[in-house]
Amino acid sequence: MTVNQIIKIEFPALSKTIKEYSSNNFIRSYAEQIALVKYPEEKVVLETLLRKLVDWYEKEIEVIIRSEYVRSKEEHIFCFSLLKQVIVLMDEG
């Protein structure tokens, strides 16, 4: 998939998954914005949001995986992977 296809197809669910888990208003805002970003017009914004969400996941993913209260563990693992995949696609393109 292209970056634009991922934004259109995958990022709405990614956004919802993160917003349902996090109570951090900054993270929730980044998750909301990432599904609305226009690429390549807002490439710098997308790069910033990706970096912020990947940094958050790097700190949070183990807590998510170990939690007995989080039901959407596989979704979070997929979201984390997807964010990193988009960074690679942007670097290649």
PDB file of N, CA and C in Angstrom:
ATOM      1  N   MET A   1       0.838  -1.190   0.000  1.00  0.00           N
ATOM      2  CA  MET A   1       0.000   0.000   0.000  1.00  0.00           C
ATOM      3  C   MET A   1       0.878   1.246   0.000  1.00  0.00           C
ATOM      4  N   THR A   2       0.340   2.308  -0.553  1.00  0.00           N
ATOM      5  CA  THR A   2       1.031   3.591  -0.533  1.00  0.00           C
ATOM      6  C   THR A   2       0.737   4.312   0.780  1.00  0.00           C
ATOM      7  N   VAL A   3       1.484   5.371   1.035  1.00  0.00           N
ATOM      8  CA  VAL A   3       1.254   6.170   2.244  1.00  0.00           C
ATOM      9  C   VAL A   3      -0.178   6.696   2.258  1.00  0.00           C
ATOM     10  N   ASN A   4      -0.647   7.217   1.136  1.00  0.00           N
ATOM     11  CA  ASN A   4      -2.017   7.751   1.080  1.00  0.00           C
ATOM     12  C   ASN A   4      -3.069   6.672   1.308  1.00  0.00           C
ATOM     13  N   GLN A   5      -2.847   5.490   0.784  1.00  0.00           N
ATOM     14  CA  GLN A   5      -3.790   4.390   1.014  1.00  0.00           C
ATOM     15  C   GLN A   5      -3.827   4.000   2.490  1.00  0.00           C
ATOM     16  N   ILE A   6      -2.676   3.957   3.123  1.00  0.00           N
ATOM     17  CA  ILE A   6      -2.624   3.627   4.552  1.00  0.00           C
ATOM     18  C   ILE A   6      -3.350   4.686   5.365  1.00  0.00           C
ATOM     19  N   ILE A   7      -3.116   5.959   5.036  1.00  0.00           N
ATOM     20  CA  ILE A   7      -3.799   7.045   5.753  1.00  0.00           C
ATOM     21  C   ILE A   7      -5.308   6.889   5.619  1.00  0.00           C
ATOM     22  N   LYS A   8      -5.766   6.630   4.405  1.00  0.00           N
ATOM     23  CA  LYS A   8      -7.209   6.546   4.158  1.00  0.00           C
ATOM     24  C   LYS A   8      -7.838   5.273   4.724  1.00  0.00           C
ATOM     25  N   ILE A   9      -7.170   4.140   4.572  1.00  0.00           N
ATOM     26  CA  ILE A   9      -7.763   2.851   4.931  1.00  0.00           C
ATOM     27  C   ILE A   9      -7.476   2.446   6.375  1.00  0.00           C
ATOM     28  N   GLU A  10      -6.246   2.595   6.816  1.00  0.00           N
ATOM     29  CA  GLU A  10      -5.829   2.060   8.111  1.00  0.00           C
ATOM     30  C   GLU A  10      -5.841   3.071   9.259  1.00  0.00           C
ATOM     31  N   PHE A  11      -5.520   4.331   8.964  1.00  0.00           N
ATOM     32  CA  PHE A  11      -5.358   5.295  10.052  1.00  0.00           C
ATOM     33  C   PHE A  11      -6.633   5.632  10.819  1.00  0.00           C
ATOM     34  N   PRO A  12      -7.827   5.580  10.231  1.00  0.00           N
ATOM     35  CA  PRO A  12      -9.015   5.811  11.065  1.00  0.00           C
ATOM     36  C   PRO A  12      -9.134   4.789  12.209  1.00  0.00           C
ATOM     37  N   ALA A  13      -8.870   3.517  11.922  1.00  0.00           N
ATOM     38  CA  ALA A  13      -8.924   2.490  12.972  1.00  0.00           C
ATOM     39  C   ALA A  13      -7.757   2.639  13.939  1.00  0.00           C
ATOM     40  N   LEU A  14      -6.581   2.962  13.416  1.00  0.00           N
ATOM     41  CA  LEU A  14      -5.422   3.213  14.268  1.00  0.00           C
ATOM     42  C   LEU A  14      -5.732   4.328  15.254  1.00  0.00           C
ATOM     43  N   SER A  15      -6.300   5.397  14.738  1.00  0.00           N
ATOM     44  CA  SER A  15      -6.668   6.538  15.572  1.00  0.00           C
ATOM     45  C   SER A  15      -7.629   6.122  16.683  1.00  0.00           C
ATOM     46  N   LYS A  16      -8.632   5.368  16.324  1.00  0.00           N
ATOM     47  CA  LYS A  16      -9.630   4.922  17.303  1.00  0.00           C
ATOM     48  C   LYS A  16      -8.998   4.018  18.364  1.00  0.00           C
ATOM     49  N   THR A  17      -8.140   3.108  17.942  1.00  0.00           N
ATOM     50  CA  THR A  17      -7.480   2.188  18.874  1.00  0.00           C
ATOM     51  C   THR A  17      -6.672   2.954  19.912  1.00  0.00           C
ATOM     52  N   ILE A  18      -5.896   3.922  19.464  1.00  0.00           N
ATOM     53  CA  ILE A  18      -5.064   4.705  20.384  1.00  0.00           C
ATOM     54  C   ILE A  18      -5.929   5.568  21.293  1.00  0.00           C
ATOM     55  N   LYS A  19      -6.933   6.220  20.728  1.00  0.00           N
ATOM     56  CA  LYS A  19      -7.782   7.113  21.538  1.00  0.00           C
ATOM     57  C   LYS A  19      -8.573   6.352  22.591  1.00  0.00           C
ATOM     58  N   GLU A  20      -8.968   5.116  22.298  1.00  0.00           N
ATOM     59  CA  GLU A  20      -9.698   4.315  23.283  1.00  0.00           C
ATOM     60  C   GLU A  20      -8.808   3.906  24.450  1.00  0.00           C
ATOM     61  N   TYR A  21      -7.514   3.764  24.197  1.00  0.00           N
ATOM     62  CA  TYR A  21      -6.593   3.312  25.240  1.00  0.00           C
ATOM     63  C   TYR A  21      -6.046   4.471  26.078  1.00  0.00           C
ATOM     64  N   SER A  22      -5.596   5.512  25.416  1.00  0.00           N
ATOM     65  CA  SER A  22      -4.849   6.567  26.100  1.00  0.00           C
ATOM     66  C   SER A  22      -5.752   7.641  26.694  1.00  0.00           C
ATOM     67  N   SER A  23      -5.390   8.081  27.881  1.00  0.00           N
ATOM     68  CA  SER A  23      -6.069   9.226  28.493  1.00  0.00           C
ATOM     69  C   SER A  23      -5.232  10.496  28.340  1.00  0.00           C
ATOM     70  N   ASN A  24      -4.053  10.369  27.727  1.00  0.00           N
ATOM     71  CA  ASN A  24      -3.173  11.507  27.499  1.00  0.00           C
ATOM     72  C   ASN A  24      -3.737  12.342  26.352  1.00  0.00           C
ATOM     73  N   ASN A  25      -4.113  13.563  26.646  1.00  0.00           N
ATOM     74  CA  ASN A  25      -4.753  14.412  25.634  1.00  0.00           C
ATOM     75  C   ASN A  25      -3.848  14.712  24.447  1.00  0.00           C
ATOM     76  N   PHE A  26      -2.551  14.797  24.661  1.00  0.00           N
ATOM     77  CA  PHE A  26      -1.641  15.040  23.545  1.00  0.00           C
ATOM     78  C   PHE A  26      -1.620  13.830  22.605  1.00  0.00           C
ATOM     79  N   ILE A  27      -1.493  12.645  23.165  1.00  0.00           N
ATOM     80  CA  ILE A  27      -1.477  11.423  22.353  1.00  0.00           C
ATOM     81  C   ILE A  27      -2.805  11.257  21.626  1.00  0.00           C
ATOM     82  N   ARG A  28      -3.893  11.514  22.308  1.00  0.00           N
ATOM     83  CA  ARG A  28      -5.215  11.417  21.683  1.00  0.00           C
ATOM     84  C   ARG A  28      -5.337  12.404  20.517  1.00  0.00           C
ATOM     85  N   SER A  29      -4.803  13.594  20.690  1.00  0.00           N
ATOM     86  CA  SER A  29      -4.828  14.600  19.631  1.00  0.00           C
ATOM     87  C   SER A  29      -3.973  14.167  18.439  1.00  0.00           C
ATOM     88  N   TYR A  30      -2.773  13.644  18.710  1.00  0.00           N
ATOM     89  CA  TYR A  30      -1.914  13.167  17.615  1.00  0.00           C
ATOM     90  C   TYR A  30      -2.612  12.054  16.839  1.00  0.00           C
ATOM     91  N   ALA A  31      -3.253  11.146  17.571  1.00  0.00           N
ATOM     92  CA  ALA A  31      -3.953  10.028  16.928  1.00  0.00           C
ATOM     93  C   ALA A  31      -5.109  10.523  16.063  1.00  0.00           C
ATOM     94  N   GLU A  32      -5.801  11.532  16.537  1.00  0.00           N
ATOM     95  CA  GLU A  32      -6.911  12.094  15.763  1.00  0.00           C
ATOM     96  C   GLU A  32      -6.396  12.792  14.506  1.00  0.00           C
ATOM     97  N   GLN A  33      -5.346  13.578  14.658  1.00  0.00           N
ATOM     98  CA  GLN A  33      -4.803  14.338  13.536  1.00  0.00           C
ATOM     99  C   GLN A  33      -4.206  13.453  12.445  1.00  0.00           C
ATOM    100  N   ILE A  34      -3.600  12.336  12.847  1.00  0.00           N
ATOM    101  CA  ILE A  34      -2.898  11.505  11.860  1.00  0.00           C
ATOM    102  C   ILE A  34      -3.856  10.924  10.821  1.00  0.00           C
ATOM    103  N   ALA A  35      -5.095  10.706  11.198  1.00  0.00           N
ATOM    104  CA  ALA A  35      -6.080  10.163  10.254  1.00  0.00           C
ATOM    105  C   ALA A  35      -6.595  11.228   9.287  1.00  0.00           C
ATOM    106  N   LEU A  36      -6.309  12.488   9.563  1.00  0.00           N
ATOM    107  CA  LEU A  36      -6.821  13.591   8.749  1.00  0.00           C
ATOM    108  C   LEU A  36      -5.753  14.277   7.905  1.00  0.00           C
ATOM    109  N   VAL A  37      -4.499  13.905   8.101  1.00  0.00           N
ATOM    110  CA  VAL A  37      -3.400  14.593   7.443  1.00  0.00           C
ATOM    111  C   VAL A  37      -3.445  14.371   5.927  1.00  0.00           C
ATOM    112  N   LYS A  38      -3.062  15.391   5.189  1.00  0.00           N
ATOM    113  CA  LYS A  38      -3.003  15.329   3.723  1.00  0.00           C
ATOM    114  C   LYS A  38      -1.548  15.102   3.315  1.00  0.00           C
ATOM    115  N   TYR A  39      -1.320  13.994   2.646  1.00  0.00           N
ATOM    116  CA  TYR A  39       0.031  13.661   2.213  1.00  0.00           C
ATOM    117  C   TYR A  39       0.085  13.692   0.692  1.00  0.00           C
ATOM    118  N   PRO A  40       1.061  14.306   0.090  1.00  0.00           N
ATOM    119  CA  PRO A  40       2.323  14.809   0.612  1.00  0.00           C
ATOM    120  C   PRO A  40       2.300  16.272   1.054  1.00  0.00           C
ATOM    121  N   GLU A  41       1.164  16.940   0.905  1.00  0.00           N
ATOM    122  CA  GLU A  41       1.093  18.363   1.236  1.00  0.00           C
ATOM    123  C   GLU A  41       1.528  18.659   2.670  1.00  0.00           C
ATOM    124  N   GLU A  42       1.184  17.795   3.595  1.00  0.00           N
ATOM    125  CA  GLU A  42       1.518  18.001   5.007  1.00  0.00           C
ATOM    126  C   GLU A  42       2.533  16.955   5.484  1.00  0.00           C
ATOM    127  N   LYS A  43       3.535  16.734   4.654  1.00  0.00           N
ATOM    128  CA  LYS A  43       4.538  15.705   4.951  1.00  0.00           C
ATOM    129  C   LYS A  43       5.221  15.946   6.295  1.00  0.00           C
ATOM    130  N   VAL A  44       5.592  17.178   6.576  1.00  0.00           N
ATOM    131  CA  VAL A  44       6.285  17.490   7.834  1.00  0.00           C
ATOM    132  C   VAL A  44       5.375  17.214   9.027  1.00  0.00           C
ATOM    133  N   VAL A  45       4.104  17.550   8.900  1.00  0.00           N
ATOM    134  CA  VAL A  45       3.137  17.276   9.973  1.00  0.00           C
ATOM    135  C   VAL A  45       3.021  15.769  10.179  1.00  0.00           C
ATOM    136  N   LEU A  46       2.898  15.019   9.086  1.00  0.00           N
ATOM    137  CA  LEU A  46       2.791  13.563   9.189  1.00  0.00           C
ATOM    138  C   LEU A  46       4.035  12.972   9.844  1.00  0.00           C
ATOM    139  N   GLU A  47       5.211  13.415   9.433  1.00  0.00           N
ATOM    140  CA  GLU A  47       6.454  12.920  10.034  1.00  0.00           C
ATOM    141  C   GLU A  47       6.496  13.195  11.532  1.00  0.00           C
ATOM    142  N   THR A  48       6.060  14.373  11.925  1.00  0.00           N
ATOM    143  CA  THR A  48       6.043  14.737  13.343  1.00  0.00           C
ATOM    144  C   THR A  48       5.076  13.857  14.121  1.00  0.00           C
ATOM    145  N   LEU A  49       3.876  13.671  13.595  1.00  0.00           N
ATOM    146  CA  LEU A  49       2.879  12.829  14.267  1.00  0.00           C
ATOM    147  C   LEU A  49       3.354  11.381  14.359  1.00  0.00           C
ATOM    148  N   LEU A  50       3.934  10.872  13.288  1.00  0.00           N
ATOM    149  CA  LEU A  50       4.460   9.507  13.299  1.00  0.00           C
ATOM    150  C   LEU A  50       5.522   9.349  14.378  1.00  0.00           C
ATOM    151  N   ARG A  51       6.444  10.295  14.434  1.00  0.00           N
ATOM    152  CA  ARG A  51       7.522  10.228  15.417  1.00  0.00           C
ATOM    153  C   ARG A  51       6.974  10.251  16.837  1.00  0.00           C
ATOM    154  N   LYS A  52       6.012  11.138  17.088  1.00  0.00           N
ATOM    155  CA  LYS A  52       5.431  11.248  18.428  1.00  0.00           C
ATOM    156  C   LYS A  52       4.693   9.970  18.828  1.00  0.00           C
ATOM    157  N   LEU A  53       3.948   9.382  17.908  1.00  0.00           N
ATOM    158  CA  LEU A  53       3.201   8.164  18.227  1.00  0.00           C
ATOM    159  C   LEU A  53       4.117   6.943  18.341  1.00  0.00           C
ATOM    160  N   VAL A  54       5.146   6.862  17.515  1.00  0.00           N
ATOM    161  CA  VAL A  54       6.107   5.762  17.644  1.00  0.00           C
ATOM    162  C   VAL A  54       6.846   5.874  18.975  1.00  0.00           C
ATOM    163  N   ASP A  55       7.271   7.075  19.332  1.00  0.00           N
ATOM    164  CA  ASP A  55       7.936   7.280  20.629  1.00  0.00           C
ATOM    165  C   ASP A  55       7.029   6.856  21.774  1.00  0.00           C
ATOM    166  N   TRP A  56       5.746   7.212  21.688  1.00  0.00           N
ATOM    167  CA  TRP A  56       4.783   6.838  22.727  1.00  0.00           C
ATOM    168  C   TRP A  56       4.639   5.320  22.802  1.00  0.00           C
ATOM    169  N   TYR A  57       4.480   4.682  21.639  1.00  0.00           N
ATOM    170  CA  TYR A  57       4.337   3.223  21.617  1.00  0.00           C
ATOM    171  C   TYR A  57       5.594   2.531  22.150  1.00  0.00           C
ATOM    172  N   GLU A  58       6.776   3.061  21.837  1.00  0.00           N
ATOM    173  CA  GLU A  58       8.008   2.451  22.343  1.00  0.00           C
ATOM    174  C   GLU A  58       8.013   2.404  23.868  1.00  0.00           C
ATOM    175  N   LYS A  59       7.429   3.396  24.492  1.00  0.00           N
ATOM    176  CA  LYS A  59       7.359   3.451  25.957  1.00  0.00           C
ATOM    177  C   LYS A  59       6.176   2.659  26.505  1.00  0.00           C
ATOM    178  N   GLU A  60       5.135   2.500  25.721  1.00  0.00           N
ATOM    179  CA  GLU A  60       3.858   1.980  26.227  1.00  0.00           C
ATOM    180  C   GLU A  60       3.532   0.545  25.802  1.00  0.00           C
ATOM    181  N   ILE A  61       4.152   0.043  24.738  1.00  0.00           N
ATOM    182  CA  ILE A  61       3.710  -1.234  24.170  1.00  0.00           C
ATOM    183  C   ILE A  61       3.853  -2.397  25.154  1.00  0.00           C
ATOM    184  N   GLU A  62       4.901  -2.429  25.940  1.00  0.00           N
ATOM    185  CA  GLU A  62       5.065  -3.523  26.907  1.00  0.00           C
ATOM    186  C   GLU A  62       3.987  -3.476  27.980  1.00  0.00           C
ATOM    187  N   VAL A  63       3.621  -2.280  28.403  1.00  0.00           N
ATOM    188  CA  VAL A  63       2.539  -2.122  29.386  1.00  0.00           C
ATOM    189  C   VAL A  63       1.230  -2.635  28.789  1.00  0.00           C
ATOM    190  N   ILE A  64       0.990  -2.290  27.537  1.00  0.00           N
ATOM    191  CA  ILE A  64      -0.225  -2.736  26.843  1.00  0.00           C
ATOM    192  C   ILE A  64      -0.252  -4.260  26.755  1.00  0.00           C
ATOM    193  N   ILE A  65       0.845  -4.845  26.334  1.00  0.00           N
ATOM    194  CA  ILE A  65       0.914  -6.298  26.149  1.00  0.00           C
ATOM    195  C   ILE A  65       0.720  -7.039  27.472  1.00  0.00           C
ATOM    196  N   ARG A  66       1.277  -6.515  28.534  1.00  0.00           N
ATOM    197  CA  ARG A  66       1.211  -7.192  29.841  1.00  0.00           C
ATOM    198  C   ARG A  66      -0.088  -6.945  30.601  1.00  0.00           C
ATOM    199  N   SER A  67      -0.835  -5.949  30.204  1.00  0.00           N
ATOM    200  CA  SER A  67      -2.041  -5.589  30.952  1.00  0.00           C
ATOM    201  C   SER A  67      -3.140  -6.634  30.789  1.00  0.00           C
ATOM    202  N   GLU A  68      -3.742  -6.987  31.892  1.00  0.00           N
ATOM    203  CA  GLU A  68      -4.876  -7.914  31.826  1.00  0.00           C
ATOM    204  C   GLU A  68      -6.166  -7.190  31.442  1.00  0.00           C
ATOM    205  N   TYR A  69      -6.139  -5.868  31.435  1.00  0.00           N
ATOM    206  CA  TYR A  69      -7.339  -5.076  31.152  1.00  0.00           C
ATOM    207  C   TYR A  69      -7.453  -4.644  29.692  1.00  0.00           C
ATOM    208  N   VAL A  70      -6.365  -4.696  28.945  1.00  0.00           N
ATOM    209  CA  VAL A  70      -6.387  -4.292  27.537  1.00  0.00           C
ATOM    210  C   VAL A  70      -6.806  -5.488  26.695  1.00  0.00           C
ATOM    211  N   ARG A  71      -7.916  -5.329  25.996  1.00  0.00           N
ATOM    212  CA  ARG A  71      -8.438  -6.416  25.165  1.00  0.00           C
ATOM    213  C   ARG A  71      -7.922  -6.358  23.733  1.00  0.00           C
ATOM    214  N   SER A  72      -7.419  -5.228  23.322  1.00  0.00           N
ATOM    215  CA  SER A  72      -7.030  -5.034  21.920  1.00  0.00           C
ATOM    216  C   SER A  72      -5.509  -5.067  21.731  1.00  0.00           C
ATOM    217  N   LYS A  73      -4.850  -5.985  22.396  1.00  0.00           N
ATOM    218  CA  LYS A  73      -3.386  -6.079  22.327  1.00  0.00           C
ATOM    219  C   LYS A  73      -2.888  -6.234  20.885  1.00  0.00           C
ATOM    220  N   GLU A  74      -3.504  -7.137  20.138  1.00  0.00           N
ATOM    221  CA  GLU A  74      -3.078  -7.380  18.753  1.00  0.00           C
ATOM    222  C   GLU A  74      -3.263  -6.137  17.890  1.00  0.00           C
ATOM    223  N   GLU A  75      -4.314  -5.385  18.149  1.00  0.00           N
ATOM    224  CA  GLU A  75      -4.530  -4.142  17.401  1.00  0.00           C
ATOM    225  C   GLU A  75      -3.416  -3.146  17.685  1.00  0.00           C
ATOM    226  N   HIS A  76      -3.001  -3.050  18.936  1.00  0.00           N
ATOM    227  CA  HIS A  76      -1.921  -2.125  19.285  1.00  0.00           C
ATOM    228  C   HIS A  76      -0.599  -2.558  18.659  1.00  0.00           C
ATOM    229  N   ILE A  77      -0.329  -3.843  18.663  1.00  0.00           N
ATOM    230  CA  ILE A  77       0.890  -4.346  18.023  1.00  0.00           C
ATOM    231  C   ILE A  77       0.860  -4.014  16.532  1.00  0.00           C
ATOM    232  N   PHE A  78      -0.296  -4.203  15.897  1.00  0.00           N
ATOM    233  CA  PHE A  78      -0.450  -3.869  14.480  1.00  0.00           C
ATOM    234  C   PHE A  78      -0.268  -2.365  14.251  1.00  0.00           C
ATOM    235  N   CYS A  79      -0.869  -1.543  15.089  1.00  0.00           N
ATOM    236  CA  CYS A  79      -0.754  -0.086  14.948  1.00  0.00           C
ATOM    237  C   CYS A  79       0.697   0.365  15.052  1.00  0.00           C
ATOM    238  N   PHE A  80       1.409  -0.154  16.045  1.00  0.00           N
ATOM    239  CA  PHE A  80       2.816   0.189  16.237  1.00  0.00           C
ATOM    240  C   PHE A  80       3.617  -0.189  14.994  1.00  0.00           C
ATOM    241  N   SER A  81       3.391  -1.373  14.478  1.00  0.00           N
ATOM    242  CA  SER A  81       4.073  -1.833  13.278  1.00  0.00           C
ATOM    243  C   SER A  81       3.718  -0.970  12.067  1.00  0.00           C
ATOM    244  N   LEU A  82       2.460  -0.624  11.940  1.00  0.00           N
ATOM    245  CA  LEU A  82       1.990   0.193  10.821  1.00  0.00           C
ATOM    246  C   LEU A  82       2.635   1.578  10.832  1.00  0.00           C
ATOM    247  N   LEU A  83       2.731   2.190  11.995  1.00  0.00           N
ATOM    248  CA  LEU A  83       3.373   3.500  12.102  1.00  0.00           C
ATOM    249  C   LEU A  83       4.823   3.425  11.626  1.00  0.00           C
ATOM    250  N   LYS A  84       5.531   2.391  12.049  1.00  0.00           N
ATOM    251  CA  LYS A  84       6.924   2.223  11.627  1.00  0.00           C
ATOM    252  C   LYS A  84       7.015   1.930  10.130  1.00  0.00           C
ATOM    253  N   GLN A  85       6.038   1.186   9.600  1.00  0.00           N
ATOM    254  CA  GLN A  85       6.006   0.879   8.166  1.00  0.00           C
ATOM    255  C   GLN A  85       5.840   2.157   7.345  1.00  0.00           C
ATOM    256  N   VAL A  86       5.006   3.066   7.784  1.00  0.00           N
ATOM    257  CA  VAL A  86       4.794   4.322   7.052  1.00  0.00           C
ATOM    258  C   VAL A  86       6.070   5.157   7.054  1.00  0.00           C
ATOM    259  N   ILE A  87       6.788   5.163   8.156  1.00  0.00           N
ATOM    260  CA  ILE A  87       8.062   5.888   8.201  1.00  0.00           C
ATOM    261  C   ILE A  87       9.013   5.329   7.141  1.00  0.00           C
ATOM    262  N   VAL A  88       9.101   4.011   7.039  1.00  0.00           N
ATOM    263  CA  VAL A  88       9.964   3.377   6.034  1.00  0.00           C
ATOM    264  C   VAL A  88       9.499   3.742   4.624  1.00  0.00           C
ATOM    265  N   LEU A  89       8.204   3.669   4.369  1.00  0.00           N
ATOM    266  CA  LEU A  89       7.671   4.032   3.049  1.00  0.00           C
ATOM    267  C   LEU A  89       8.002   5.474   2.685  1.00  0.00           C
ATOM    268  N   MET A  90       7.886   6.367   3.650  1.00  0.00           N
ATOM    269  CA  MET A  90       8.189   7.777   3.385  1.00  0.00           C
ATOM    270  C   MET A  90       9.679   7.971   3.124  1.00  0.00           C
ATOM    271  N   ASP A  91      10.515   7.253   3.845  1.00  0.00           N
ATOM    272  CA  ASP A  91      11.964   7.344   3.631  1.00  0.00           C
ATOM    273  C   ASP A  91      12.357   6.824   2.250  1.00  0.00           C
ATOM    274  N   GLU A  92      11.645   5.798   1.786  1.00  0.00           N
ATOM    275  CA  GLU A  92      11.937   5.210   0.472  1.00  0.00           C
ATOM    276  C   GLU A  92      11.409   6.067  -0.677  1.00  0.00           C
ATOM    277  N   GLY A  93      10.319   6.805  -0.396  1.00  0.00           N
ATOM    278  CA  GLY A  93       9.632   7.490  -1.468  1.00  0.00           C
ATOM    279  C   GLY A  93       9.984   8.899  -1.640  1.00  0.00           C
TER     280      GLY A  93
END
